[in-house]
Amino acid sequence: MSAPPRTTHPGATGARLPDTQQGMRRRNLARVMHTVAAHGPLSRASVASRIGLTRAAVSTLVDELVRSELLEELGPERPGRVGRPGSALAVSARGPVGIGAEVGVDRLSVCAVDLRGDVRARAQRQVGNRGRAPGPVLTDLASLIREITQDAEREGLRPAGLAVAVPGLVARDSQTVVRAPNLDWHHTDIGPLLASDLPLTVDNEANFGALAELWLGDGAPDDFLHVSAEIGIGAALVVDGMLLRGSRGFAGELGHVPVRPDGPRCACGGRGCLERYAGEEAVLRAAGLPPGPDRVSLLVERAIAGDEGVLGALRDAGTAMGIALTGAVNLLDPRTIVLGGALSRLAPWLLPCLEGELGQRIAGPGCAVAVSRLGAEGPLLGAAHAVVRAVLDDPAGVA
């Protein structure tokens, strides 16, 4: 079983429920769900002790959650406890699942994650999406979503919602991709084109990658700057366990920070952007290697073999990333930088120059750099877990 989503506090990802009797009941249902998800299996008495409600109140809430297939009873608690054993409660392996999807430059991916955090179904299609109109891309994605939804339903699971990660700017509280330079999409409303019956959330892939790191990462702090580096390079800042989106939802466009203002033209319209020096295609180009279906594996293979062209390109990429990140660290003061995305596999060769630039340029006492174990999986898992978190935050909404 996968680790359950990391808990900040109930309601951290959703709207605050009203201060009414009904709102209080919904908040208490969420408190029970989060407690069992983070610490279960637990008896009703243990849940009551942890959240400060009476056993009778918790029992009523638990009965409702069991009927809705959000919790399940596993039988008597383990032996050795004093007194009459209670029935152990766990988050259900049936019931709702979160559907996550990702539109990449060269692939489409979809997965279903249950309330325990386990991936129950997954599909991926390698396809070149750069330059394709949004309609055909989203038609292909909808086909994969239907496939995964049907796989989940055959296991007795029901989709609770859909979250889609895209490599571009997404207007806050909307489903509109304002601009995705590496796809050449502009002002694209995902909802009508995807035509899904599920509740839909659309967000930047770096944001979902950062949320995955927060919920699933190995001891990630509550304050960190997550860098999602593949063909494009995005970033997301987490402060006190909350994602900082910016006033319009456009925060984190690290890949379009200029590191050499007189450098080559970028797809965004600027010059000398970080992506032109540290994105996958830029590193391949600098190393004299052709693009291919598994670019990062090729770079890793050549780097291990000591290919000087590849090693030089990775050193230059690390230097460029260090320069761009210096500005972010000096401005935002994150506790840690987490390197994610596909390029996290190249960390052994990127980090020496990246950390060297940070060490020379940061005005403060320094900033730790860590490598995500989620890698390229982060955005897709973050999208699916965002739906799961919404269920934990308001279980009454899916009952």
Protein backbone atom coordinates (compact mmCIF):
# COMPACT_ATOMS: atom_id res chain seq x y z
CA MET A 1 0.00 0.00 0.00
CA SER A 2 1.21 3.49 -0.80
CA ALA A 3 1.65 6.03 1.97
CA PRO A 4 -1.55 8.02 2.56
CA PRO A 5 -1.60 11.63 1.41
CA ARG A 6 0.35 13.79 3.82
CA THR A 7 -1.94 15.81 6.06
CA THR A 8 -1.58 19.53 6.65
CA HIS A 9 -5.01 20.20 8.13
CA PRO A 10 -8.58 19.39 7.10
CA GLY A 11 -9.88 21.85 4.57
CA ALA A 12 -6.37 22.96 3.53
CA THR A 13 -7.14 22.49 -0.16
CA GLY A 14 -10.83 23.41 -0.20
CA ALA A 15 -13.15 26.27 0.62
CA ARG A 16 -13.98 26.91 4.26
CA LEU A 17 -17.31 25.40 5.20
CA PRO A 18 -19.92 27.72 6.76
CA ASP A 19 -20.26 27.98 10.54
CA THR A 20 -23.65 26.25 10.70
CA GLN A 21 -24.72 22.94 12.23
CA GLN A 22 -24.51 21.36 8.80
CA GLY A 23 -21.12 22.96 8.21
CA MET A 24 -19.87 21.68 11.58
CA ARG A 25 -21.01 18.15 10.70
CA ARG A 26 -19.18 18.29 7.39
CA ARG A 27 -16.02 19.57 9.08
CA ASN A 28 -16.20 16.75 11.62
CA LEU A 29 -16.62 14.18 8.85
CA ALA A 30 -13.48 15.62 7.27
CA ARG A 31 -11.61 15.46 10.58
CA VAL A 32 -12.48 11.78 10.94
CA MET A 33 -11.41 11.03 7.36
CA HIS A 34 -8.09 12.87 7.68
CA THR A 35 -7.33 11.22 11.02
CA VAL A 36 -7.94 7.68 9.75
CA ALA A 37 -6.09 8.43 6.48
CA ALA A 38 -3.03 9.71 8.33
CA HIS A 39 -2.94 7.33 11.32
CA GLY A 40 -5.19 4.34 10.64
CA PRO A 41 -6.19 1.68 11.19
CA LEU A 42 -7.85 3.15 14.30
CA SER A 43 -10.81 2.25 16.50
CA ARG A 44 -13.68 4.67 17.01
CA ALA A 45 -12.36 5.35 20.52
CA SER A 46 -8.90 6.20 19.16
CA VAL A 47 -10.39 8.57 16.58
CA ALA A 48 -12.49 10.26 19.29
CA SER A 49 -9.41 10.70 21.46
CA ARG A 50 -7.39 12.23 18.63
CA ILE A 51 -9.99 14.77 17.48
CA GLY A 52 -11.58 15.59 20.83
CA LEU A 53 -15.16 14.44 20.17
CA THR A 54 -17.25 11.99 22.17
CA ARG A 55 -17.21 8.34 21.19
CA ALA A 56 -20.96 8.53 20.46
CA ALA A 57 -20.47 11.49 18.10
CA VAL A 58 -17.59 9.78 16.33
CA SER A 59 -19.55 6.54 16.03
CA THR A 60 -22.37 8.38 14.26
CA LEU A 61 -19.92 10.04 11.85
CA VAL A 62 -18.11 6.76 11.21
CA ASP A 63 -21.36 4.94 10.45
CA GLU A 64 -22.16 7.56 7.81
CA LEU A 65 -18.68 7.26 6.26
CA VAL A 66 -18.87 3.45 6.22
CA ARG A 67 -22.27 3.56 4.47
CA SER A 68 -20.74 5.88 1.85
CA GLU A 69 -17.83 3.44 1.29
CA LEU A 70 -15.32 6.04 2.44
CA LEU A 71 -14.23 4.03 5.50
CA GLU A 72 -14.27 0.28 6.07
CA GLU A 73 -14.14 -1.86 9.19
CA LEU A 74 -11.30 -4.39 9.33
CA GLY A 75 -12.44 -6.33 12.40
CA PRO A 76 -11.18 -6.26 16.02
CA GLU A 77 -8.08 -4.20 16.80
CA ARG A 78 -4.78 -6.01 17.24
CA PRO A 79 -4.51 -8.07 20.47
CA GLY A 80 -2.58 -6.79 23.47
CA ARG A 81 -4.67 -3.66 24.09
CA VAL A 82 -6.33 -3.20 27.48
CA GLY A 83 -10.11 -3.56 27.57
CA ARG A 84 -12.59 -4.72 24.99
CA PRO A 85 -11.11 -4.44 21.49
CA GLY A 86 -12.85 -2.05 19.11
CA SER A 87 -13.29 -2.56 15.40
CA ALA A 88 -10.35 -1.16 13.44
CA LEU A 89 -11.24 1.47 10.83
CA ALA A 90 -9.32 2.14 7.63
CA VAL A 91 -9.83 4.30 4.57
CA SER A 92 -11.78 2.25 2.06
CA ALA A 93 -10.09 0.50 -0.82
CA ARG A 94 -13.42 0.76 -2.65
CA GLY A 95 -15.65 3.75 -3.24
CA PRO A 96 -14.29 7.02 -4.68
CA VAL A 97 -11.08 7.39 -6.71
CA GLY A 98 -9.35 10.47 -8.03
CA ILE A 99 -8.67 10.58 -11.77
CA GLY A 100 -5.49 12.46 -12.67
CA ALA A 101 -4.43 13.33 -16.21
CA GLU A 102 -1.42 15.06 -17.72
CA VAL A 103 -0.94 16.69 -21.10
CA GLY A 104 2.76 16.58 -21.94
CA VAL A 105 4.62 17.80 -24.98
CA ASP A 106 5.25 14.23 -26.07
CA ARG A 107 2.78 12.13 -24.08
CA LEU A 108 -0.67 11.84 -22.52
CA SER A 109 -1.05 10.12 -19.15
CA VAL A 110 -4.01 9.19 -16.95
CA CYS A 111 -4.24 7.34 -13.62
CA ALA A 112 -6.80 6.48 -10.94
CA VAL A 113 -5.79 6.75 -7.26
CA ASP A 114 -7.95 5.40 -4.45
CA LEU A 115 -8.46 7.00 -1.03
CA ARG A 116 -5.56 4.99 0.39
CA GLY A 117 -3.20 6.53 -2.13
CA ASP A 118 -2.81 3.40 -4.26
CA VAL A 119 -2.70 3.71 -8.06
CA ARG A 120 -5.48 1.39 -9.24
CA ALA A 121 -5.28 1.97 -13.00
CA ARG A 122 -2.95 3.77 -15.37
CA ALA A 123 -2.51 4.43 -19.09
CA GLN A 124 -0.03 6.43 -21.15
CA ARG A 125 0.23 7.22 -24.82
CA GLN A 126 3.35 8.55 -26.48
CA VAL A 127 2.28 11.25 -28.92
CA GLY A 128 3.84 14.45 -30.17
CA ASN A 129 1.48 17.22 -29.01
CA ARG A 130 3.56 20.24 -29.96
CA GLY A 131 1.77 22.14 -32.68
CA ARG A 132 -1.35 19.98 -32.52
CA ALA A 133 -4.62 21.82 -32.07
CA PRO A 134 -6.10 21.47 -28.57
CA GLY A 135 -9.22 19.69 -29.86
CA PRO A 136 -7.53 16.51 -31.17
CA VAL A 137 -5.17 16.37 -28.18
CA LEU A 138 -8.03 16.56 -25.70
CA THR A 139 -10.08 14.06 -27.72
CA ASP A 140 -7.20 11.59 -27.32
CA LEU A 141 -6.96 12.43 -23.63
CA ALA A 142 -10.71 11.91 -23.16
CA SER A 143 -10.34 8.44 -24.69
CA LEU A 144 -7.66 7.55 -22.13
CA ILE A 145 -9.79 8.97 -19.30
CA ARG A 146 -12.74 6.80 -20.37
CA GLU A 147 -10.45 3.76 -20.45
CA ILE A 148 -9.18 4.38 -16.92
CA THR A 149 -12.66 5.23 -15.62
CA GLN A 150 -13.98 1.93 -16.97
CA ASP A 151 -11.05 0.03 -15.44
CA ALA A 152 -11.82 1.63 -12.07
CA GLU A 153 -15.53 0.92 -12.29
CA ARG A 154 -14.84 -2.75 -13.03
CA GLU A 155 -13.11 -2.88 -9.64
CA GLY A 156 -16.12 -1.39 -7.90
CA LEU A 157 -14.63 2.10 -7.72
CA ARG A 158 -16.37 5.34 -8.65
CA PRO A 159 -14.55 8.42 -9.99
CA ALA A 160 -15.01 11.42 -7.69
CA GLY A 161 -13.46 13.99 -10.02
CA LEU A 162 -10.85 14.73 -12.66
CA ALA A 163 -7.76 16.94 -12.41
CA VAL A 164 -5.65 17.76 -15.48
CA ALA A 165 -2.05 18.96 -15.40
CA VAL A 166 -0.87 21.09 -18.32
CA PRO A 167 2.52 22.67 -19.14
CA GLY A 168 1.33 26.27 -19.23
CA LEU A 169 -0.34 29.20 -17.52
CA VAL A 170 -3.81 28.41 -16.15
CA ALA A 171 -6.02 31.30 -15.05
CA ARG A 172 -6.79 31.07 -11.36
CA ASP A 173 -10.07 29.32 -10.46
CA SER A 174 -10.72 28.44 -14.09
CA GLN A 175 -10.23 25.69 -16.64
CA THR A 176 -8.58 28.00 -19.17
CA VAL A 177 -5.00 27.57 -20.37
CA VAL A 178 -3.99 31.16 -21.08
CA ARG A 179 -0.71 30.22 -22.71
CA ALA A 180 1.29 27.03 -23.10
CA PRO A 181 4.33 27.96 -25.21
CA ASN A 182 5.64 24.42 -25.67
CA LEU A 183 2.24 23.29 -26.96
CA ASP A 184 1.49 26.56 -28.78
CA TRP A 185 -1.90 26.79 -27.04
CA HIS A 186 -3.50 30.15 -26.28
CA HIS A 187 -6.70 30.91 -24.33
CA THR A 188 -7.89 27.32 -24.45
CA ASP A 189 -10.89 26.36 -22.29
CA ILE A 190 -10.25 22.73 -21.42
CA GLY A 191 -13.75 21.96 -20.09
CA PRO A 192 -15.87 22.04 -23.26
CA LEU A 193 -13.15 20.35 -25.32
CA LEU A 194 -12.67 17.53 -22.83
CA ALA A 195 -16.46 17.08 -22.41
CA SER A 196 -16.17 15.09 -19.19
CA ASP A 197 -19.07 14.57 -16.81
CA LEU A 198 -16.71 14.58 -13.83
CA PRO A 199 -15.99 17.66 -11.70
CA LEU A 200 -12.93 19.14 -13.41
CA THR A 201 -9.85 20.95 -12.11
CA VAL A 202 -7.11 22.24 -14.43
CA ASP A 203 -3.75 23.48 -13.16
CA ASN A 204 -0.13 23.95 -14.12
CA GLU A 205 1.92 20.76 -13.99
CA ALA A 206 4.51 22.33 -11.68
CA ASN A 207 1.78 23.15 -9.15
CA PHE A 208 0.57 19.56 -9.12
CA GLY A 209 4.17 18.36 -8.87
CA ALA A 210 4.72 20.53 -5.80
CA LEU A 211 1.50 19.28 -4.18
CA ALA A 212 2.58 15.70 -4.81
CA GLU A 213 5.87 16.47 -3.09
CA LEU A 214 4.06 18.03 -0.14
CA TRP A 215 1.64 15.10 0.28
CA LEU A 216 3.78 12.14 -0.82
CA GLY A 217 7.41 13.24 -0.56
CA ASP A 218 9.92 11.82 1.88
CA GLY A 219 9.92 14.36 4.66
CA ALA A 220 9.60 17.46 2.48
CA PRO A 221 9.33 20.59 4.64
CA ASP A 222 6.25 22.79 4.62
CA ASP A 223 8.27 25.57 2.93
CA PHE A 224 10.02 24.69 -0.33
CA LEU A 225 10.46 25.69 -3.95
CA HIS A 226 9.69 22.79 -6.27
CA VAL A 227 11.35 22.84 -9.70
CA SER A 228 9.69 20.68 -12.34
CA ALA A 229 12.21 20.34 -15.13
CA GLU A 230 11.55 18.55 -18.42
CA ILE A 231 11.22 20.09 -21.91
CA GLY A 232 9.86 23.12 -20.08
CA ILE A 233 10.89 24.25 -16.62
CA GLY A 234 8.30 25.33 -14.10
CA ALA A 235 8.39 26.00 -10.39
CA ALA A 236 5.93 26.17 -7.52
CA LEU A 237 6.37 27.68 -4.08
CA VAL A 238 4.86 26.03 -1.00
CA VAL A 239 4.67 28.25 2.11
CA ASP A 240 3.40 26.88 5.44
CA GLY A 241 2.01 23.87 3.62
CA MET A 242 0.03 25.98 1.14
CA LEU A 243 0.65 26.55 -2.55
CA LEU A 244 1.43 30.16 -3.48
CA ARG A 245 -0.36 30.73 -6.80
CA GLY A 246 -0.06 34.47 -7.39
CA SER A 247 -2.92 36.90 -7.92
CA ARG A 248 -3.84 35.46 -11.35
CA GLY A 249 -2.53 31.93 -10.84
CA PHE A 250 0.61 32.47 -12.93
CA ALA A 251 3.31 32.21 -10.25
CA GLY A 252 6.25 29.88 -10.87
CA GLU A 253 7.29 30.44 -14.49
CA LEU A 254 10.95 29.81 -13.70
CA GLY A 255 11.68 28.53 -17.20
CA HIS A 256 11.04 31.98 -18.61
CA VAL A 257 13.33 33.84 -16.24
CA PRO A 258 16.12 35.26 -18.45
CA VAL A 259 19.60 34.07 -17.52
CA ARG A 260 21.21 35.78 -20.53
CA PRO A 261 19.07 38.71 -21.69
CA ASP A 262 20.78 38.80 -25.10
CA GLY A 263 20.40 35.04 -25.62
CA PRO A 264 18.36 33.15 -28.22
CA ARG A 265 14.67 33.76 -28.76
CA CYS A 266 12.32 31.60 -26.63
CA ALA A 267 8.87 30.24 -27.53
CA CYS A 268 7.39 32.62 -24.94
CA GLY A 269 8.64 35.62 -26.96
CA GLY A 270 11.50 36.54 -24.64
CA ARG A 271 15.24 36.03 -25.03
CA GLY A 272 17.77 34.00 -23.10
CA CYS A 273 15.18 32.18 -20.95
CA LEU A 274 16.29 29.35 -18.67
CA GLU A 275 14.49 26.76 -20.83
CA ARG A 276 16.80 27.67 -23.71
CA TYR A 277 19.75 26.43 -21.64
CA ALA A 278 18.42 23.82 -19.22
CA GLY A 279 15.35 22.18 -20.79
CA GLU A 280 15.69 18.62 -22.12
CA GLU A 281 15.87 19.68 -25.76
CA ALA A 282 18.34 22.45 -24.98
CA VAL A 283 20.68 20.01 -23.20
CA LEU A 284 20.44 17.50 -26.07
CA ARG A 285 21.16 20.26 -28.58
CA ALA A 286 24.17 21.48 -26.60
CA ALA A 287 25.46 17.89 -26.34
CA GLY A 288 25.09 17.34 -30.08
CA LEU A 289 22.52 14.56 -29.63
CA PRO A 290 19.33 14.09 -31.67
CA PRO A 291 15.88 14.26 -30.02
CA GLY A 292 14.29 10.89 -29.34
CA PRO A 293 11.53 9.10 -27.42
CA ASP A 294 13.61 8.60 -24.24
CA ARG A 295 15.85 11.64 -24.13
CA VAL A 296 16.70 11.61 -20.45
CA SER A 297 17.77 7.94 -20.47
CA LEU A 298 20.09 8.73 -23.36
CA LEU A 299 21.63 11.62 -21.44
CA VAL A 300 22.04 9.49 -18.31
CA GLU A 301 23.69 6.70 -20.33
CA ARG A 302 26.12 9.08 -22.01
CA ALA A 303 26.89 10.91 -18.77
CA ILE A 304 27.72 7.64 -16.98
CA ALA A 305 29.97 6.73 -19.91
CA GLY A 306 31.86 10.02 -19.44
CA ASP A 307 30.80 11.63 -22.72
CA GLU A 308 32.46 15.06 -22.46
CA GLY A 309 29.90 16.71 -24.73
CA VAL A 310 27.05 15.57 -22.49
CA LEU A 311 28.91 16.38 -19.28
CA GLY A 312 29.67 19.88 -20.55
CA ALA A 313 26.05 20.44 -21.55
CA LEU A 314 24.87 19.32 -18.11
CA ARG A 315 27.36 21.57 -16.38
CA ASP A 316 26.10 24.52 -18.41
CA ALA A 317 22.48 23.57 -17.65
CA GLY A 318 23.24 23.35 -13.94
CA THR A 319 24.91 26.76 -14.04
CA ALA A 320 21.93 28.32 -15.80
CA MET A 321 19.52 26.77 -13.29
CA GLY A 322 21.64 28.05 -10.43
CA ILE A 323 21.55 31.60 -11.82
CA ALA A 324 17.76 31.54 -12.24
CA LEU A 325 17.20 29.97 -8.83
CA THR A 326 19.43 32.54 -7.13
CA GLY A 327 16.90 35.26 -7.90
CA ALA A 328 14.04 33.09 -6.64
CA VAL A 329 15.85 32.24 -3.40
CA ASN A 330 16.90 35.82 -2.71
CA LEU A 331 13.34 37.02 -3.32
CA LEU A 332 11.32 34.24 -1.66
CA ASP A 333 13.64 32.68 0.96
CA PRO A 334 12.47 29.04 0.67
CA ARG A 335 13.90 26.58 3.16
CA THR A 336 14.61 23.96 0.48
CA ILE A 337 14.74 23.64 -3.30
CA VAL A 338 13.33 20.32 -4.52
CA LEU A 339 14.40 19.26 -8.01
CA GLY A 340 11.66 17.20 -9.67
CA GLY A 341 10.50 16.28 -13.14
CA ALA A 342 12.38 14.10 -15.60
CA LEU A 343 15.62 16.02 -15.17
CA SER A 344 15.82 14.95 -11.53
CA ARG A 345 17.45 11.79 -12.92
CA LEU A 346 20.32 13.99 -14.06
CA ALA A 347 20.83 15.50 -10.61
CA PRO A 348 24.31 13.97 -10.05
CA TRP A 349 25.63 16.02 -12.96
CA LEU A 350 23.44 19.12 -12.61
CA LEU A 351 23.79 19.77 -8.89
CA PRO A 352 27.52 20.60 -8.58
CA CYS A 353 27.25 23.68 -10.81
CA LEU A 354 23.73 24.54 -9.62
CA GLU A 355 24.77 24.50 -5.98
CA GLY A 356 27.98 26.32 -6.82
CA GLU A 357 26.05 29.23 -8.31
CA LEU A 358 23.71 29.32 -5.31
CA GLY A 359 26.63 29.32 -2.93
CA GLN A 360 28.26 32.28 -4.66
CA ARG A 361 25.16 34.38 -5.27
CA ILE A 362 22.66 33.90 -2.42
CA ALA A 363 22.58 36.84 -0.05
CA GLY A 364 21.25 34.85 2.93
CA PRO A 365 22.70 31.91 4.86
CA GLY A 366 21.99 29.34 2.17
CA CYS A 367 19.32 26.98 0.87
CA ALA A 368 19.26 23.17 0.89
CA VAL A 369 18.76 21.34 -2.42
CA ALA A 370 16.97 17.98 -2.51
CA VAL A 371 15.99 15.61 -5.31
CA SER A 372 12.42 14.35 -5.54
CA ARG A 373 11.89 10.59 -5.57
CA LEU A 374 8.69 11.18 -7.57
CA GLY A 375 10.53 12.59 -10.58
CA ALA A 376 8.46 12.80 -13.74
CA GLU A 377 5.53 11.08 -11.98
CA GLY A 378 4.92 14.07 -9.70
CA PRO A 379 2.43 16.11 -11.78
CA LEU A 380 0.23 13.13 -12.67
CA LEU A 381 0.17 11.82 -9.09
CA GLY A 382 -0.39 15.32 -7.75
CA ALA A 383 -3.41 15.74 -10.03
CA ALA A 384 -5.01 12.47 -8.92
CA HIS A 385 -4.24 13.10 -5.25
CA ALA A 386 -5.77 16.59 -5.51
CA VAL A 387 -9.10 14.88 -6.18
CA VAL A 388 -8.49 12.46 -3.30
CA ARG A 389 -7.72 15.39 -1.00
CA ALA A 390 -10.97 17.07 -2.03
CA VAL A 391 -12.85 13.94 -0.92
CA LEU A 392 -11.00 13.89 2.43
CA ASP A 393 -11.66 17.61 2.89
CA ASP A 394 -15.42 17.28 2.27
CA PRO A 395 -16.53 13.65 2.36
CA ALA A 396 -20.18 14.72 2.63
CA GLY A 397 -19.84 16.11 -0.90
CA VAL A 398 -19.40 12.61 -2.37
CA ALA A 399 -21.62 10.65 -0.01
